[in-house]
Amino acid sequence: MLPAKITRLALAAIVVAAAPAITGAAVYSNGSKTATFDVTMRIIADCTVSANALDFGQNQGVLAATVTGTTTLGVTCTSTTPYNVGLSAGNGTGSSGTVRYMSGQTAGNTGTVQFMLYQTAGATIWGEDQGVNTKGGTGNGTLQTHTVYGSIPAQTTPAPDTYKSTITATVFF
């Protein structure tokens, strides 16, 4: 016969070994069955567009010579999606089509400053008529950056003021 102390230790070891593991899942031995399920989604042709401000400067004097500046647009389209980016005439007084003006911001100032927007430096006017003066591309699923080239031609200088126009960039896809 074994001493009582050893018997109690052996009995405790048997109880611990026989107890199911505390994992939250029971263990079964009667067999198993399986099922499958699909995980799906559908990608559609889609695009987003973002725009940065174009600032021709904050200390311009007489408009005796051309003033230039650039900014960027960001277009993100799903892979293989063809797109065109158009730029509106803006909301400056007298703006229409690709003829654009910035308007004076002080009450009573009716002065304007004419400016142009181009797809390439000094050439290819940028408008919003698809197939005529928009800029095309094909999406690759990541951000694609497009440079907008701006130009203020020499012109009669209006009264000192801040001049502004808001352009809308539209991506057609």
Protein backbone atom coordinates (compact mmCIF):
# COMPACT_ATOMS: atom_id res chain seq x y z
CA MET A 1 0.00 0.00 0.00
CA LEU A 2 1.19 3.48 -0.84
CA PRO A 3 1.48 6.20 1.71
CA ALA A 4 -1.60 8.43 1.89
CA LYS A 5 0.29 11.51 0.75
CA ILE A 6 1.40 9.86 -2.52
CA THR A 7 -2.10 8.51 -3.14
CA ARG A 8 -3.63 11.94 -2.76
CA LEU A 9 -1.05 13.40 -5.21
CA ALA A 10 -1.73 10.64 -7.74
CA LEU A 11 -5.47 11.13 -7.41
CA ALA A 12 -5.10 14.92 -7.88
CA ALA A 13 -2.99 14.33 -11.03
CA ILE A 14 -5.64 12.00 -12.48
CA VAL A 15 -8.42 14.55 -11.82
CA VAL A 16 -6.42 17.37 -13.45
CA ALA A 17 -5.57 15.25 -16.51
CA ALA A 18 -9.16 14.15 -16.97
CA ALA A 19 -10.61 17.68 -16.71
CA PRO A 20 -11.34 19.37 -20.10
CA ALA A 21 -9.05 22.23 -21.04
CA ILE A 22 -10.47 25.61 -20.13
CA THR A 23 -10.56 27.10 -23.62
CA GLY A 24 -14.23 27.83 -24.04
CA ALA A 25 -14.67 25.10 -26.65
CA ALA A 26 -15.74 21.57 -25.90
CA VAL A 27 -14.01 18.59 -27.47
CA TYR A 28 -16.22 16.07 -29.29
CA SER A 29 -15.36 12.76 -30.85
CA ASN A 30 -18.55 11.78 -32.75
CA GLY A 31 -17.32 13.01 -36.18
CA SER A 32 -17.49 16.30 -38.11
CA LYS A 33 -19.23 17.93 -41.07
CA THR A 34 -18.21 21.01 -43.09
CA ALA A 35 -19.85 23.82 -45.01
CA THR A 36 -18.42 26.58 -47.17
CA PHE A 37 -19.44 30.20 -47.65
CA ASP A 38 -18.44 32.92 -50.11
CA VAL A 39 -16.96 36.28 -49.17
CA THR A 40 -17.76 38.83 -51.88
CA MET A 41 -17.86 42.47 -52.81
CA ARG A 42 -18.26 44.36 -56.07
CA ILE A 43 -15.95 47.16 -57.18
CA ILE A 44 -17.62 49.73 -59.42
CA ALA A 45 -16.09 52.39 -61.62
CA ASP A 46 -15.57 55.32 -59.25
CA CYS A 47 -13.41 58.43 -58.95
CA THR A 48 -12.66 61.21 -56.49
CA VAL A 49 -11.10 64.59 -57.17
CA SER A 50 -9.35 67.07 -54.88
CA ALA A 51 -7.95 70.52 -55.60
CA ASN A 52 -5.44 72.94 -54.11
CA ALA A 53 -5.62 76.74 -54.29
CA LEU A 54 -3.78 78.68 -57.00
CA ASP A 55 -2.20 81.84 -55.56
CA PHE A 56 -0.67 84.29 -58.03
CA GLY A 57 0.88 86.21 -55.13
CA GLN A 58 -0.17 88.64 -52.44
CA ASN A 59 2.00 91.65 -53.35
CA GLN A 60 1.44 92.08 -57.09
CA GLY A 61 1.72 95.63 -58.42
CA VAL A 62 1.04 96.84 -61.96
CA LEU A 63 0.06 94.03 -64.34
CA ALA A 64 2.54 95.11 -67.04
CA ALA A 65 3.92 91.60 -67.62
CA THR A 66 2.53 88.06 -67.50
CA VAL A 67 2.21 86.55 -64.02
CA THR A 68 2.28 82.74 -63.77
CA GLY A 69 1.56 80.17 -61.10
CA THR A 70 0.75 76.49 -60.68
CA THR A 71 -1.30 74.24 -58.46
CA THR A 72 -2.27 70.58 -58.45
CA LEU A 73 -5.39 68.47 -58.70
CA GLY A 74 -5.58 64.94 -57.35
CA VAL A 75 -7.65 62.26 -59.08
CA THR A 76 -8.14 58.75 -57.72
CA CYS A 77 -10.10 56.32 -59.89
CA THR A 78 -10.59 52.60 -59.74
CA SER A 79 -8.13 50.67 -61.86
CA THR A 80 -8.79 50.79 -65.64
CA THR A 81 -11.48 53.49 -65.29
CA PRO A 82 -11.07 56.16 -68.00
CA TYR A 83 -11.74 59.71 -66.86
CA ASN A 84 -11.66 63.38 -67.89
CA VAL A 85 -11.04 66.32 -65.55
CA GLY A 86 -12.78 69.58 -66.32
CA LEU A 87 -12.35 73.05 -64.84
CA SER A 88 -15.29 75.46 -64.71
CA ALA A 89 -15.17 79.08 -65.83
CA GLY A 90 -15.28 80.15 -62.19
CA ASN A 91 -17.54 82.64 -60.48
CA GLY A 92 -15.67 85.86 -61.27
CA THR A 93 -17.76 88.55 -62.94
CA GLY A 94 -17.75 88.02 -66.72
CA SER A 95 -16.37 84.45 -66.61
CA SER A 96 -17.69 82.09 -69.28
CA GLY A 97 -16.27 78.92 -70.80
CA THR A 98 -12.49 79.23 -70.74
CA VAL A 99 -12.54 83.04 -70.37
CA ARG A 100 -11.97 83.60 -66.67
CA TYR A 101 -11.90 86.60 -64.36
CA MET A 102 -11.19 87.19 -60.68
CA SER A 103 -13.44 89.79 -59.07
CA GLY A 104 -12.55 92.43 -56.49
CA GLN A 105 -13.62 91.42 -52.98
CA THR A 106 -14.23 94.86 -51.44
CA ALA A 107 -17.83 96.09 -51.60
CA GLY A 108 -18.28 98.50 -54.48
CA ASN A 109 -15.17 97.34 -56.39
CA THR A 110 -16.33 96.13 -59.81
CA GLY A 111 -12.77 95.59 -61.07
CA THR A 112 -11.67 92.26 -62.50
CA VAL A 113 -8.41 90.51 -63.38
CA GLN A 114 -8.41 88.16 -66.37
CA PHE A 115 -6.55 84.85 -66.05
CA MET A 116 -6.11 81.61 -68.00
CA LEU A 117 -5.79 77.97 -66.91
CA TYR A 118 -3.78 75.48 -68.96
CA GLN A 119 -3.17 71.72 -69.04
CA THR A 120 0.46 72.30 -70.04
CA ALA A 121 2.70 75.32 -69.45
CA GLY A 122 1.36 78.10 -71.69
CA ALA A 123 -0.61 75.80 -74.00
CA THR A 124 -3.77 73.67 -74.15
CA ILE A 125 -6.48 75.70 -72.43
CA TRP A 126 -8.29 73.78 -69.68
CA GLY A 127 -12.09 73.90 -69.68
CA GLU A 128 -14.97 71.59 -68.88
CA ASP A 129 -16.26 70.47 -72.30
CA GLN A 130 -15.53 66.73 -72.50
CA GLY A 131 -13.67 65.76 -75.64
CA VAL A 132 -12.80 69.41 -76.32
CA ASN A 133 -10.75 70.92 -73.48
CA THR A 134 -10.76 68.47 -70.54
CA LYS A 135 -7.73 66.46 -69.50
CA GLY A 136 -8.00 62.69 -69.71
CA GLY A 137 -6.44 59.78 -67.91
CA THR A 138 -7.00 56.21 -66.82
CA GLY A 139 -7.32 55.25 -63.17
CA ASN A 140 -4.85 52.89 -61.54
CA GLY A 141 -6.43 52.74 -58.07
CA THR A 142 -4.04 55.30 -56.57
CA LEU A 143 -3.78 59.09 -56.48
CA GLN A 144 -2.75 60.67 -59.78
CA THR A 145 -1.60 64.29 -59.63
CA HIS A 146 -2.29 66.79 -62.43
CA THR A 147 -0.63 70.21 -62.60
CA VAL A 148 -2.78 73.25 -63.41
CA TYR A 149 -0.78 76.06 -65.02
CA GLY A 150 -2.18 79.55 -64.46
CA SER A 151 -1.38 82.76 -66.28
CA ILE A 152 -2.46 86.37 -65.84
CA PRO A 153 -1.70 88.26 -69.05
CA ALA A 154 -0.49 91.87 -69.00
CA GLN A 155 -3.60 94.07 -68.72
CA THR A 156 -4.89 97.33 -67.34
CA THR A 157 -4.41 97.10 -63.60
CA PRO A 158 -7.60 97.50 -61.54
CA ALA A 159 -7.85 99.14 -58.10
CA PRO A 160 -5.85 97.67 -55.22
CA ASP A 161 -7.89 94.88 -53.63
CA THR A 162 -7.94 91.11 -53.21
CA TYR A 163 -9.23 89.46 -56.39
CA LYS A 164 -10.76 86.01 -56.36
CA SER A 165 -12.60 83.40 -58.42
CA THR A 166 -13.72 79.93 -57.32
CA ILE A 167 -13.14 77.21 -59.90
CA THR A 168 -14.93 73.87 -59.74
CA ALA A 169 -12.89 70.81 -60.74
CA THR A 170 -15.06 67.94 -62.00
CA VAL A 171 -13.97 64.39 -62.78
CA PHE A 172 -16.12 62.70 -65.44
CA PHE A 173 -15.94 58.90 -65.60
